[in-house]
Amino acid sequence: MTDPVAEFAAVMRRLRAECPWKAEQTHRSLVRYLLEETAEVVDAIDEGEASGDFSHLGEELGDLLLQVVFHAVIAEQRGDFTLDDVARGITDKMIRRNPHVFSAEAGAAAGDLDAAEVDAQWQRIKAQEKPRERADDGIGPTLSALVYADKVLARLERAGTPAAPDPASSEIGERLLALVDDARRAGVDPEQALRDAVRARL
């Protein structure tokens, strides 16, 4: 039986060899397309939530997979890593960070932890693997300000030094930060909440 992902990777290798446009692309030149395709996946999810029909999401995930495989093929040709390395790496990470499911020594069935406890466990393991000097270490600078604020506030709280945004401040930045903190404490994704509010006005 043919492995669809392996077949697609073979198609991308051939295109990389025989298509002039694809042959000249680099990791950097593809960044704009990666961002565009990611945004289109988000749009397809929002559309599916609104309509109950997620069929369009499959197509958009395919376009996003194209970007992942394209980058992996470029890396493979440079001798950096392969698509198999990428898959093995994320498989190992998921097993390592989900001991409640995969570790025979955990002594707890997957159902013994609730979602919040699983997330806390993930964060503890991640912190051990990747110690941070600053609360924003490893947070991508291209993230939106809302997502950036949400992640930093969560890290500060986990470290025991939560920020204290001033909701009464006249500074817009402080007021926005306070709203992000309110959303985070309520378990609401501030980025998605703002997107939903804007779309409700259309």
C-alpha atoms as a PDB file:
ATOM      1  CA  MET A   1       0.000   0.000   0.000  1.00  0.00           C
ATOM      2  CA  THR A   2       1.334   3.425  -0.956  1.00  0.00           C
ATOM      3  CA  ASP A   3       2.092   5.862   1.842  1.00  0.00           C
ATOM      4  CA  PRO A   4       0.329   9.088   0.747  1.00  0.00           C
ATOM      5  CA  VAL A   5       2.717  11.352   2.651  1.00  0.00           C
ATOM      6  CA  ALA A   6       5.795   9.580   1.228  1.00  0.00           C
ATOM      7  CA  GLU A   7       4.257   9.801  -2.244  1.00  0.00           C
ATOM      8  CA  PHE A   8       3.674  13.521  -1.805  1.00  0.00           C
ATOM      9  CA  ALA A   9       7.243  14.012  -0.606  1.00  0.00           C
ATOM     10  CA  ALA A  10       8.454  12.239  -3.770  1.00  0.00           C
ATOM     11  CA  VAL A  11       6.314  14.583  -5.880  1.00  0.00           C
ATOM     12  CA  MET A  12       7.845  17.588  -4.117  1.00  0.00           C
ATOM     13  CA  ARG A  13      11.381  16.268  -4.672  1.00  0.00           C
ATOM     14  CA  ARG A  14      10.645  15.923  -8.386  1.00  0.00           C
ATOM     15  CA  LEU A  15       9.123  19.384  -8.566  1.00  0.00           C
ATOM     16  CA  ARG A  16      12.131  20.765  -6.746  1.00  0.00           C
ATOM     17  CA  ALA A  17      14.367  19.182  -9.388  1.00  0.00           C
ATOM     18  CA  GLU A  18      12.314  19.971 -12.501  1.00  0.00           C
ATOM     19  CA  CYS A  19      10.260  23.108 -11.774  1.00  0.00           C
ATOM     20  CA  PRO A  20      12.323  26.323 -12.062  1.00  0.00           C
ATOM     21  CA  TRP A  21      10.189  28.284  -9.605  1.00  0.00           C
ATOM     22  CA  LYS A  22      10.243  25.601  -6.922  1.00  0.00           C
ATOM     23  CA  ALA A  23      13.945  24.975  -7.471  1.00  0.00           C
ATOM     24  CA  GLU A  24      14.857  28.536  -6.543  1.00  0.00           C
ATOM     25  CA  GLN A  25      12.784  28.745  -3.357  1.00  0.00           C
ATOM     26  CA  THR A  26      14.436  28.939   0.061  1.00  0.00           C
ATOM     27  CA  HIS A  27      13.176  28.653   3.626  1.00  0.00           C
ATOM     28  CA  ARG A  28      13.037  32.451   3.782  1.00  0.00           C
ATOM     29  CA  SER A  29      11.279  32.946   0.443  1.00  0.00           C
ATOM     30  CA  LEU A  30       8.523  30.549   1.525  1.00  0.00           C
ATOM     31  CA  VAL A  31       7.750  32.315   4.814  1.00  0.00           C
ATOM     32  CA  ARG A  32       5.023  34.498   3.290  1.00  0.00           C
ATOM     33  CA  TYR A  33       3.259  31.432   1.878  1.00  0.00           C
ATOM     34  CA  LEU A  34       3.508  29.587   5.191  1.00  0.00           C
ATOM     35  CA  LEU A  35       1.856  32.529   6.951  1.00  0.00           C
ATOM     36  CA  GLU A  36      -0.829  32.840   4.266  1.00  0.00           C
ATOM     37  CA  GLU A  37      -1.677  29.141   4.345  1.00  0.00           C
ATOM     38  CA  THR A  38      -1.796  29.139   8.144  1.00  0.00           C
ATOM     39  CA  ALA A  39      -4.223  32.055   8.068  1.00  0.00           C
ATOM     40  CA  GLU A  40      -6.390  30.217   5.533  1.00  0.00           C
ATOM     41  CA  VAL A  41      -6.511  27.169   7.809  1.00  0.00           C
ATOM     42  CA  VAL A  42      -7.735  29.431  10.626  1.00  0.00           C
ATOM     43  CA  ASP A  43     -10.378  30.907   8.304  1.00  0.00           C
ATOM     44  CA  ALA A  44     -11.532  27.417   7.295  1.00  0.00           C
ATOM     45  CA  ILE A  45     -11.874  26.448  10.965  1.00  0.00           C
ATOM     46  CA  ASP A  46     -13.922  29.576  11.667  1.00  0.00           C
ATOM     47  CA  GLU A  47     -16.118  28.834   8.643  1.00  0.00           C
ATOM     48  CA  GLY A  48     -16.608  25.280   9.824  1.00  0.00           C
ATOM     49  CA  GLU A  49     -17.564  26.400  13.310  1.00  0.00           C
ATOM     50  CA  ALA A  50     -20.136  28.781  11.834  1.00  0.00           C
ATOM     51  CA  SER A  51     -21.616  26.364   9.280  1.00  0.00           C
ATOM     52  CA  GLY A  52     -20.958  22.963  10.815  1.00  0.00           C
ATOM     53  CA  ASP A  53     -19.261  21.936   7.562  1.00  0.00           C
ATOM     54  CA  PHE A  54     -15.519  21.392   7.912  1.00  0.00           C
ATOM     55  CA  SER A  55     -14.997  19.860   4.465  1.00  0.00           C
ATOM     56  CA  HIS A  56     -13.060  22.916   3.247  1.00  0.00           C
ATOM     57  CA  LEU A  57     -10.618  22.493   6.126  1.00  0.00           C
ATOM     58  CA  GLY A  58      -9.181  19.345   4.543  1.00  0.00           C
ATOM     59  CA  GLU A  59      -8.134  21.268   1.438  1.00  0.00           C
ATOM     60  CA  GLU A  60      -6.533  24.038   3.490  1.00  0.00           C
ATOM     61  CA  LEU A  61      -4.677  21.536   5.657  1.00  0.00           C
ATOM     62  CA  GLY A  62      -3.326  20.054   2.439  1.00  0.00           C
ATOM     63  CA  ASP A  63      -1.968  23.461   1.439  1.00  0.00           C
ATOM     64  CA  LEU A  64      -0.363  23.794   4.873  1.00  0.00           C
ATOM     65  CA  LEU A  65       1.111  20.300   4.550  1.00  0.00           C
ATOM     66  CA  LEU A  66       2.616  21.440   1.243  1.00  0.00           C
ATOM     67  CA  GLN A  67       4.558  24.099   3.122  1.00  0.00           C
ATOM     68  CA  VAL A  68       5.779  21.635   5.761  1.00  0.00           C
ATOM     69  CA  VAL A  69       6.949  19.126   3.156  1.00  0.00           C
ATOM     70  CA  PHE A  70       8.461  21.855   0.952  1.00  0.00           C
ATOM     71  CA  HIS A  71      10.612  23.073   3.849  1.00  0.00           C
ATOM     72  CA  ALA A  72      11.584  19.499   4.723  1.00  0.00           C
ATOM     73  CA  VAL A  73      12.645  18.756   1.144  1.00  0.00           C
ATOM     74  CA  ILE A  74      14.746  21.922   1.021  1.00  0.00           C
ATOM     75  CA  ALA A  75      16.390  20.925   4.315  1.00  0.00           C
ATOM     76  CA  GLU A  76      16.957  17.401   3.016  1.00  0.00           C
ATOM     77  CA  GLN A  77      18.745  18.741  -0.061  1.00  0.00           C
ATOM     78  CA  ARG A  78      20.895  20.965   2.134  1.00  0.00           C
ATOM     79  CA  GLY A  79      21.778  17.992   4.310  1.00  0.00           C
ATOM     80  CA  ASP A  80      20.170  19.516   7.418  1.00  0.00           C
ATOM     81  CA  PHE A  81      17.361  17.037   8.167  1.00  0.00           C
ATOM     82  CA  THR A  82      14.694  14.987   6.399  1.00  0.00           C
ATOM     83  CA  LEU A  83      10.907  14.732   6.533  1.00  0.00           C
ATOM     84  CA  ASP A  84      11.370  11.474   8.429  1.00  0.00           C
ATOM     85  CA  ASP A  85      13.527  13.336  10.964  1.00  0.00           C
ATOM     86  CA  VAL A  86      10.735  15.878  11.417  1.00  0.00           C
ATOM     87  CA  ALA A  87       8.148  13.122  11.946  1.00  0.00           C
ATOM     88  CA  ARG A  88      10.397  11.193  14.328  1.00  0.00           C
ATOM     89  CA  GLY A  89      11.152  14.345  16.295  1.00  0.00           C
ATOM     90  CA  ILE A  90       7.527  15.276  16.857  1.00  0.00           C
ATOM     91  CA  THR A  91       6.583  11.654  17.603  1.00  0.00           C
ATOM     92  CA  ASP A  92       9.291  11.442  20.264  1.00  0.00           C
ATOM     93  CA  LYS A  93       8.178  14.769  21.739  1.00  0.00           C
ATOM     94  CA  MET A  94       4.529  13.708  21.975  1.00  0.00           C
ATOM     95  CA  ILE A  95       5.457  10.444  23.693  1.00  0.00           C
ATOM     96  CA  ARG A  96       7.856  12.210  26.052  1.00  0.00           C
ATOM     97  CA  ARG A  97       5.425  14.956  27.027  1.00  0.00           C
ATOM     98  CA  ASN A  98       2.416  12.667  27.488  1.00  0.00           C
ATOM     99  CA  PRO A  99       3.641  10.141  30.062  1.00  0.00           C
ATOM    100  CA  HIS A 100       0.087   9.691  31.352  1.00  0.00           C
ATOM    101  CA  VAL A 101      -0.614   7.914  28.058  1.00  0.00           C
ATOM    102  CA  PHE A 102       2.683   6.355  27.023  1.00  0.00           C
ATOM    103  CA  SER A 103       4.735   5.725  30.169  1.00  0.00           C
ATOM    104  CA  ALA A 104       4.327   2.331  31.794  1.00  0.00           C
ATOM    105  CA  GLU A 105       5.871   3.816  34.937  1.00  0.00           C
ATOM    106  CA  ALA A 106       3.365   6.637  35.231  1.00  0.00           C
ATOM    107  CA  GLY A 107       0.935   4.436  37.136  1.00  0.00           C
ATOM    108  CA  ALA A 108      -1.990   6.495  35.925  1.00  0.00           C
ATOM    109  CA  ALA A 109      -4.380   5.812  33.102  1.00  0.00           C
ATOM    110  CA  ALA A 110      -4.996   8.563  30.590  1.00  0.00           C
ATOM    111  CA  GLY A 111      -8.405   9.207  32.125  1.00  0.00           C
ATOM    112  CA  ASP A 112      -6.975   9.858  35.598  1.00  0.00           C
ATOM    113  CA  LEU A 113      -5.926  13.409  34.684  1.00  0.00           C
ATOM    114  CA  ASP A 114      -8.220  16.189  33.577  1.00  0.00           C
ATOM    115  CA  ALA A 115      -7.315  18.553  30.734  1.00  0.00           C
ATOM    116  CA  ALA A 116      -5.867  21.210  33.060  1.00  0.00           C
ATOM    117  CA  GLU A 117      -3.640  18.654  34.776  1.00  0.00           C
ATOM    118  CA  VAL A 118      -2.430  17.321  31.440  1.00  0.00           C
ATOM    119  CA  ASP A 119      -1.550  20.851  30.329  1.00  0.00           C
ATOM    120  CA  ALA A 120       0.298  21.527  33.593  1.00  0.00           C
ATOM    121  CA  GLN A 121       2.241  18.283  33.159  1.00  0.00           C
ATOM    122  CA  TRP A 122       3.162  19.269  29.585  1.00  0.00           C
ATOM    123  CA  GLN A 123       4.387  22.662  30.759  1.00  0.00           C
ATOM    124  CA  ARG A 124       6.506  21.110  33.532  1.00  0.00           C
ATOM    125  CA  ILE A 125       8.172  18.675  31.126  1.00  0.00           C
ATOM    126  CA  LYS A 126       8.715  21.436  28.567  1.00  0.00           C
ATOM    127  CA  ALA A 127      10.314  23.669  31.206  1.00  0.00           C
ATOM    128  CA  GLN A 128      12.709  20.853  32.136  1.00  0.00           C
ATOM    129  CA  GLU A 129      13.648  20.293  28.502  1.00  0.00           C
ATOM    130  CA  LYS A 130      13.953  23.971  27.610  1.00  0.00           C
ATOM    131  CA  PRO A 131      14.895  26.147  30.591  1.00  0.00           C
ATOM    132  CA  ARG A 132      14.036  29.817  30.008  1.00  0.00           C
ATOM    133  CA  GLU A 133      15.908  32.859  31.251  1.00  0.00           C
ATOM    134  CA  ARG A 134      13.122  35.285  30.309  1.00  0.00           C
ATOM    135  CA  ALA A 135       9.361  34.858  30.150  1.00  0.00           C
ATOM    136  CA  ASP A 136       9.378  35.544  26.419  1.00  0.00           C
ATOM    137  CA  ASP A 137      12.253  33.189  25.486  1.00  0.00           C
ATOM    138  CA  GLY A 138      11.209  31.032  22.566  1.00  0.00           C
ATOM    139  CA  ILE A 139       8.042  32.983  21.808  1.00  0.00           C
ATOM    140  CA  GLY A 140       8.073  33.898  18.126  1.00  0.00           C
ATOM    141  CA  PRO A 141       8.461  37.628  17.469  1.00  0.00           C
ATOM    142  CA  THR A 142       6.036  37.409  14.543  1.00  0.00           C
ATOM    143  CA  LEU A 143       3.120  36.406  16.758  1.00  0.00           C
ATOM    144  CA  SER A 144       0.325  38.908  17.114  1.00  0.00           C
ATOM    145  CA  ALA A 145       0.543  41.182  20.133  1.00  0.00           C
ATOM    146  CA  LEU A 146      -2.514  39.485  21.666  1.00  0.00           C
ATOM    147  CA  VAL A 147      -1.018  35.986  21.438  1.00  0.00           C
ATOM    148  CA  TYR A 148       2.367  37.279  22.614  1.00  0.00           C
ATOM    149  CA  ALA A 149       0.786  38.902  25.684  1.00  0.00           C
ATOM    150  CA  ASP A 150      -1.274  35.803  26.446  1.00  0.00           C
ATOM    151  CA  LYS A 151       1.779  33.517  26.362  1.00  0.00           C
ATOM    152  CA  VAL A 152       3.979  35.819  28.431  1.00  0.00           C
ATOM    153  CA  LEU A 153       1.288  36.298  31.096  1.00  0.00           C
ATOM    154  CA  ALA A 154       0.770  32.535  31.333  1.00  0.00           C
ATOM    155  CA  ARG A 155       4.502  31.916  31.716  1.00  0.00           C
ATOM    156  CA  LEU A 156       4.832  34.581  34.384  1.00  0.00           C
ATOM    157  CA  GLU A 157       1.994  33.025  36.346  1.00  0.00           C
ATOM    158  CA  ARG A 158       3.481  29.528  36.089  1.00  0.00           C
ATOM    159  CA  ALA A 159       6.806  30.944  37.318  1.00  0.00           C
ATOM    160  CA  GLY A 160       5.072  32.421  40.347  1.00  0.00           C
ATOM    161  CA  THR A 161       5.611  36.033  39.289  1.00  0.00           C
ATOM    162  CA  PRO A 162       2.360  37.023  37.590  1.00  0.00           C
ATOM    163  CA  ALA A 163       2.124  40.436  35.996  1.00  0.00           C
ATOM    164  CA  ALA A 164      -0.435  42.829  37.399  1.00  0.00           C
ATOM    165  CA  PRO A 165      -1.914  44.793  34.491  1.00  0.00           C
ATOM    166  CA  ASP A 166      -3.742  47.924  35.585  1.00  0.00           C
ATOM    167  CA  PRO A 167      -7.265  47.842  34.086  1.00  0.00           C
ATOM    168  CA  ALA A 168      -7.887  51.400  35.327  1.00  0.00           C
ATOM    169  CA  SER A 169      -4.859  52.803  33.533  1.00  0.00           C
ATOM    170  CA  SER A 170      -5.435  55.390  30.845  1.00  0.00           C
ATOM    171  CA  GLU A 171      -2.623  53.819  28.796  1.00  0.00           C
ATOM    172  CA  ILE A 172      -4.128  51.790  25.980  1.00  0.00           C
ATOM    173  CA  GLY A 173      -1.395  49.155  26.182  1.00  0.00           C
ATOM    174  CA  GLU A 174      -2.068  48.532  29.879  1.00  0.00           C
ATOM    175  CA  ARG A 175      -5.805  48.329  29.274  1.00  0.00           C
ATOM    176  CA  LEU A 176      -5.310  45.845  26.441  1.00  0.00           C
ATOM    177  CA  LEU A 177      -2.949  43.783  28.577  1.00  0.00           C
ATOM    178  CA  ALA A 178      -5.527  43.702  31.361  1.00  0.00           C
ATOM    179  CA  LEU A 179      -8.173  42.469  28.902  1.00  0.00           C
ATOM    180  CA  VAL A 180      -5.822  39.730  27.697  1.00  0.00           C
ATOM    181  CA  ASP A 181      -5.242  38.721  31.314  1.00  0.00           C
ATOM    182  CA  ASP A 182      -9.003  38.643  31.942  1.00  0.00           C
ATOM    183  CA  ALA A 183      -9.500  36.443  28.875  1.00  0.00           C
ATOM    184  CA  ARG A 184      -6.699  34.087  29.889  1.00  0.00           C
ATOM    185  CA  ARG A 185      -8.066  33.662  33.409  1.00  0.00           C
ATOM    186  CA  ALA A 186     -11.509  32.953  31.946  1.00  0.00           C
ATOM    187  CA  GLY A 187     -10.054  30.303  29.633  1.00  0.00           C
ATOM    188  CA  VAL A 188     -10.796  32.360  26.546  1.00  0.00           C
ATOM    189  CA  ASP A 189      -8.422  32.706  23.589  1.00  0.00           C
ATOM    190  CA  PRO A 190      -8.174  36.519  23.244  1.00  0.00           C
ATOM    191  CA  GLU A 191      -7.122  36.337  19.592  1.00  0.00           C
ATOM    192  CA  GLN A 192     -10.109  34.180  18.669  1.00  0.00           C
ATOM    193  CA  ALA A 193     -12.461  36.267  20.801  1.00  0.00           C
ATOM    194  CA  LEU A 194     -11.438  39.454  19.010  1.00  0.00           C
ATOM    195  CA  ARG A 195     -11.711  37.766  15.618  1.00  0.00           C
ATOM    196  CA  ASP A 196     -15.221  36.513  16.476  1.00  0.00           C
ATOM    197  CA  ALA A 197     -16.283  39.962  17.704  1.00  0.00           C
ATOM    198  CA  VAL A 198     -15.075  41.644  14.523  1.00  0.00           C
ATOM    199  CA  ARG A 199     -16.823  39.116  12.310  1.00  0.00           C
ATOM    200  CA  ALA A 200     -20.039  39.547  14.271  1.00  0.00           C
ATOM    201  CA  ARG A 201     -20.082  43.179  13.135  1.00  0.00           C
ATOM    202  CA  LEU A 202     -19.875  42.297   9.430  1.00  0.00           C
END
